[in-house]
Amino acid sequence: MPSSRKLRITLTRSLIGLNPNHVRTLHALGLRRIRASVVHDDTPAIRGMIDRVPYAVDVKEGSDVAPRPQAGSVDPAGRSRRDQTETGGETSA
């Protein structure tokens, strides 16, 4: 059963020069770019992965941590973010 507590994990340094095992751990967490963030349940497995690379990540705890919208995400009206910005928030019918 997933935990109700969430963790926001942010990659704070480059993967260049890291131990290859640490790079694989960060990729398994879903972190591939600097300042990329992911939200995971607070489980012992995730905590163990974070404990392997504490120097490369920033962790925020809390049950109210919500995932951020993706760059190409679609709002409830079916418009992409690009459509909203190009047309001033409205799409032509």
N, C-alpha and C. Protein backbone atom coordinates (compact mmCIF):
# COMPACT_ATOMS: atom_id res chain seq x y z
N MET A 1 0.85 -1.18 0.00
CA MET A 1 0.00 0.00 0.00
C MET A 1 0.89 1.24 0.00
N PRO A 2 0.69 2.17 -0.93
CA PRO A 2 1.54 3.36 -0.99
C PRO A 2 1.32 4.26 0.21
N SER A 3 2.38 4.92 0.57
CA SER A 3 2.33 5.85 1.70
C SER A 3 1.61 7.13 1.29
N SER A 4 0.94 7.76 2.26
CA SER A 4 0.26 9.02 1.96
C SER A 4 1.26 10.18 1.97
N ARG A 5 2.42 9.97 2.60
CA ARG A 5 3.45 11.01 2.60
C ARG A 5 4.19 10.99 1.27
N LYS A 6 4.54 12.18 0.80
CA LYS A 6 5.23 12.32 -0.48
C LYS A 6 6.58 12.99 -0.27
N LEU A 7 7.47 12.75 -1.21
CA LEU A 7 8.78 13.39 -1.23
C LEU A 7 8.97 14.05 -2.59
N ARG A 8 9.39 15.31 -2.60
CA ARG A 8 9.80 15.96 -3.84
C ARG A 8 11.32 15.91 -3.86
N ILE A 9 11.87 15.24 -4.87
CA ILE A 9 13.31 15.06 -4.98
C ILE A 9 13.77 15.87 -6.18
N THR A 10 14.78 16.74 -5.97
CA THR A 10 15.30 17.61 -7.01
C THR A 10 16.77 17.34 -7.21
N LEU A 11 17.20 17.15 -8.45
CA LEU A 11 18.61 16.96 -8.77
C LEU A 11 19.31 18.31 -8.70
N THR A 12 20.37 18.41 -7.88
CA THR A 12 21.03 19.70 -7.65
C THR A 12 22.40 19.80 -8.29
N ARG A 13 22.92 18.70 -8.82
CA ARG A 13 24.23 18.77 -9.46
C ARG A 13 24.27 17.90 -10.69
N SER A 14 25.27 18.13 -11.51
CA SER A 14 25.42 17.40 -12.76
C SER A 14 25.76 15.93 -12.52
N LEU A 15 25.35 15.09 -13.45
CA LEU A 15 25.67 13.67 -13.39
C LEU A 15 27.09 13.39 -13.89
N ILE A 16 27.70 14.38 -14.53
CA ILE A 16 29.05 14.20 -15.08
C ILE A 16 30.04 13.98 -13.95
N GLY A 17 30.82 12.93 -14.07
CA GLY A 17 31.86 12.65 -13.09
C GLY A 17 31.39 11.83 -11.90
N LEU A 18 30.12 11.50 -11.82
CA LEU A 18 29.63 10.71 -10.70
C LEU A 18 29.94 9.24 -10.92
N ASN A 19 29.93 8.51 -9.84
CA ASN A 19 30.07 7.06 -9.88
C ASN A 19 28.94 6.51 -10.76
N PRO A 20 29.24 5.61 -11.69
CA PRO A 20 28.19 5.09 -12.57
C PRO A 20 27.02 4.45 -11.82
N ASN A 21 27.27 3.85 -10.67
CA ASN A 21 26.17 3.29 -9.88
C ASN A 21 25.26 4.40 -9.35
N HIS A 22 25.82 5.54 -9.01
CA HIS A 22 25.02 6.66 -8.53
C HIS A 22 24.20 7.26 -9.67
N VAL A 23 24.78 7.32 -10.87
CA VAL A 23 24.05 7.81 -12.03
C VAL A 23 22.84 6.92 -12.29
N ARG A 24 23.03 5.60 -12.20
CA ARG A 24 21.91 4.68 -12.42
C ARG A 24 20.85 4.84 -11.34
N THR A 25 21.26 5.11 -10.11
CA THR A 25 20.30 5.34 -9.03
C THR A 25 19.47 6.59 -9.31
N LEU A 26 20.12 7.66 -9.75
CA LEU A 26 19.41 8.90 -10.06
C LEU A 26 18.46 8.71 -11.25
N HIS A 27 18.89 7.95 -12.25
CA HIS A 27 18.00 7.66 -13.39
C HIS A 27 16.81 6.83 -12.94
N ALA A 28 17.04 5.89 -12.01
CA ALA A 28 15.94 5.07 -11.51
C ALA A 28 14.93 5.93 -10.74
N LEU A 29 15.40 6.99 -10.12
CA LEU A 29 14.49 7.92 -9.44
C LEU A 29 13.74 8.80 -10.45
N GLY A 30 14.20 8.83 -11.69
CA GLY A 30 13.55 9.66 -12.71
C GLY A 30 14.22 11.00 -12.90
N LEU A 31 15.44 11.16 -12.40
CA LEU A 31 16.16 12.43 -12.49
C LEU A 31 17.21 12.34 -13.58
N ARG A 32 17.10 13.20 -14.57
CA ARG A 32 18.05 13.17 -15.68
C ARG A 32 18.69 14.52 -15.95
N ARG A 33 18.11 15.60 -15.48
CA ARG A 33 18.64 16.94 -15.73
C ARG A 33 18.75 17.71 -14.41
N ILE A 34 19.67 18.66 -14.38
CA ILE A 34 19.83 19.51 -13.20
C ILE A 34 18.54 20.30 -12.99
N ARG A 35 18.12 20.44 -11.77
CA ARG A 35 16.90 21.12 -11.33
C ARG A 35 15.62 20.39 -11.75
N ALA A 36 15.74 19.17 -12.22
CA ALA A 36 14.55 18.36 -12.50
C ALA A 36 14.02 17.84 -11.16
N SER A 37 12.70 17.81 -11.02
CA SER A 37 12.07 17.34 -9.79
C SER A 37 11.11 16.20 -10.09
N VAL A 38 11.02 15.27 -9.15
CA VAL A 38 10.06 14.18 -9.24
C VAL A 38 9.41 14.04 -7.87
N VAL A 39 8.21 13.49 -7.84
CA VAL A 39 7.51 13.23 -6.60
C VAL A 39 7.34 11.73 -6.46
N HIS A 40 7.76 11.20 -5.31
CA HIS A 40 7.64 9.77 -5.01
C HIS A 40 6.98 9.60 -3.65
N ASP A 41 6.37 8.43 -3.44
CA ASP A 41 5.88 8.07 -2.12
C ASP A 41 7.07 7.90 -1.19
N ASP A 42 6.87 8.19 0.08
CA ASP A 42 7.92 8.05 1.08
C ASP A 42 7.96 6.58 1.53
N THR A 43 8.78 5.79 0.83
CA THR A 43 8.91 4.37 1.15
C THR A 43 10.37 4.07 1.50
N PRO A 44 10.61 2.96 2.17
CA PRO A 44 12.00 2.60 2.51
C PRO A 44 12.88 2.44 1.27
N ALA A 45 12.34 1.95 0.18
CA ALA A 45 13.14 1.77 -1.04
C ALA A 45 13.59 3.13 -1.59
N ILE A 46 12.68 4.09 -1.64
CA ILE A 46 13.03 5.43 -2.13
C ILE A 46 14.01 6.10 -1.18
N ARG A 47 13.79 5.96 0.12
CA ARG A 47 14.71 6.52 1.11
C ARG A 47 16.11 5.94 0.95
N GLY A 48 16.19 4.64 0.67
CA GLY A 48 17.49 4.01 0.47
C GLY A 48 18.19 4.56 -0.76
N MET A 49 17.43 4.81 -1.82
CA MET A 49 18.02 5.38 -3.02
C MET A 49 18.53 6.80 -2.75
N ILE A 50 17.78 7.58 -1.99
CA ILE A 50 18.19 8.93 -1.65
C ILE A 50 19.44 8.90 -0.78
N ASP A 51 19.53 7.94 0.12
CA ASP A 51 20.69 7.83 1.01
C ASP A 51 21.97 7.50 0.25
N ARG A 52 21.86 6.94 -0.95
CA ARG A 52 23.04 6.63 -1.76
C ARG A 52 23.62 7.88 -2.42
N VAL A 53 22.78 8.89 -2.66
CA VAL A 53 23.22 10.08 -3.40
C VAL A 53 22.80 11.39 -2.70
N PRO A 54 23.04 11.53 -1.40
CA PRO A 54 22.55 12.74 -0.71
C PRO A 54 23.23 14.02 -1.18
N TYR A 55 24.43 13.90 -1.72
CA TYR A 55 25.18 15.07 -2.17
C TYR A 55 24.66 15.63 -3.50
N ALA A 56 23.81 14.87 -4.19
CA ALA A 56 23.35 15.27 -5.52
C ALA A 56 21.88 15.66 -5.56
N VAL A 57 21.14 15.48 -4.46
CA VAL A 57 19.71 15.75 -4.47
C VAL A 57 19.30 16.63 -3.30
N ASP A 58 18.17 17.30 -3.49
CA ASP A 58 17.51 18.07 -2.43
C ASP A 58 16.14 17.43 -2.23
N VAL A 59 15.78 17.14 -0.97
CA VAL A 59 14.54 16.44 -0.68
C VAL A 59 13.64 17.32 0.17
N LYS A 60 12.40 17.48 -0.27
CA LYS A 60 11.38 18.18 0.50
C LYS A 60 10.32 17.17 0.88
N GLU A 61 9.93 17.15 2.15
CA GLU A 61 8.95 16.19 2.64
C GLU A 61 7.61 16.86 2.86
N GLY A 62 6.57 16.04 2.86
CA GLY A 62 5.25 16.54 3.18
C GLY A 62 4.17 15.78 2.44
N SER A 63 2.99 15.74 3.04
CA SER A 63 1.88 15.04 2.40
C SER A 63 1.20 15.94 1.37
N ASP A 64 1.51 17.25 1.38
CA ASP A 64 0.87 18.17 0.46
C ASP A 64 1.71 18.45 -0.78
N VAL A 65 2.82 17.73 -0.96
CA VAL A 65 3.67 17.91 -2.14
C VAL A 65 2.94 17.36 -3.34
N ALA A 66 2.67 18.21 -4.32
CA ALA A 66 1.95 17.79 -5.52
C ALA A 66 2.90 17.84 -6.71
N PRO A 67 2.71 16.97 -7.68
CA PRO A 67 3.57 17.03 -8.86
C PRO A 67 3.33 18.30 -9.65
N ARG A 68 4.39 18.82 -10.24
CA ARG A 68 4.27 20.01 -11.08
C ARG A 68 3.79 19.61 -12.46
N PRO A 69 3.04 20.47 -13.15
CA PRO A 69 2.59 20.12 -14.49
C PRO A 69 3.77 20.03 -15.46
N GLN A 70 3.68 19.13 -16.41
CA GLN A 70 4.71 18.95 -17.41
C GLN A 70 4.67 20.12 -18.40
N ALA A 71 5.76 20.34 -19.12
CA ALA A 71 5.85 21.46 -20.06
C ALA A 71 4.83 21.34 -21.19
N GLY A 72 4.55 20.15 -21.63
CA GLY A 72 3.60 19.97 -22.72
C GLY A 72 2.24 19.50 -22.26
N SER A 73 1.92 19.75 -21.00
CA SER A 73 0.67 19.24 -20.46
C SER A 73 -0.54 19.97 -21.03
N VAL A 74 -1.69 19.35 -20.88
CA VAL A 74 -2.94 19.89 -21.42
C VAL A 74 -3.83 20.28 -20.25
N ASP A 75 -4.45 21.46 -20.32
CA ASP A 75 -5.36 21.89 -19.26
C ASP A 75 -6.71 21.18 -19.43
N PRO A 76 -7.63 21.29 -18.44
CA PRO A 76 -8.91 20.60 -18.52
C PRO A 76 -9.74 20.95 -19.75
N ALA A 77 -9.53 22.12 -20.34
CA ALA A 77 -10.29 22.50 -21.52
C ALA A 77 -9.73 21.86 -22.80
N GLY A 78 -8.62 21.11 -22.68
CA GLY A 78 -8.06 20.42 -23.82
C GLY A 78 -7.02 21.21 -24.59
N ARG A 79 -6.60 22.36 -24.05
CA ARG A 79 -5.61 23.18 -24.74
C ARG A 79 -4.24 22.91 -24.13
N SER A 80 -3.23 22.88 -24.96
CA SER A 80 -1.87 22.72 -24.45
C SER A 80 -1.39 24.07 -23.94
N ARG A 81 -0.32 24.06 -23.17
CA ARG A 81 0.23 25.31 -22.67
C ARG A 81 0.68 26.20 -23.82
N ARG A 82 1.22 25.61 -24.87
CA ARG A 82 1.68 26.39 -26.00
C ARG A 82 0.51 27.12 -26.65
N ASP A 83 -0.63 26.44 -26.80
CA ASP A 83 -1.81 27.09 -27.38
C ASP A 83 -2.25 28.28 -26.54
N GLN A 84 -2.17 28.15 -25.23
CA GLN A 84 -2.62 29.23 -24.35
C GLN A 84 -1.72 30.44 -24.47
N THR A 85 -0.41 30.23 -24.59
CA THR A 85 0.51 31.37 -24.64
C THR A 85 0.54 32.02 -26.00
N GLU A 86 0.41 31.24 -27.07
CA GLU A 86 0.46 31.81 -28.41
C GLU A 86 -0.76 32.64 -28.74
N THR A 87 -1.91 32.28 -28.21
CA THR A 87 -3.14 32.96 -28.56
C THR A 87 -3.66 33.84 -27.44
N GLY A 88 -2.84 34.07 -26.43
CA GLY A 88 -3.29 34.92 -25.34
C GLY A 88 -4.31 34.26 -24.44
N GLY A 89 -4.28 32.93 -24.36
CA GLY A 89 -5.19 32.23 -23.46
C GLY A 89 -6.43 31.68 -24.14
N GLU A 90 -6.70 32.08 -25.36
CA GLU A 90 -7.87 31.60 -26.08
C GLU A 90 -7.44 30.86 -27.33
N THR A 91 -8.19 29.87 -27.70
CA THR A 91 -7.91 29.18 -28.96
C THR A 91 -9.01 29.50 -29.95
N SER A 92 -8.66 29.53 -31.22
CA SER A 92 -9.68 29.82 -32.23
C SER A 92 -10.44 28.55 -32.56
N ALA A 93 -11.75 28.67 -32.77
CA ALA A 93 -12.58 27.50 -33.02
C ALA A 93 -12.71 27.17 -34.47
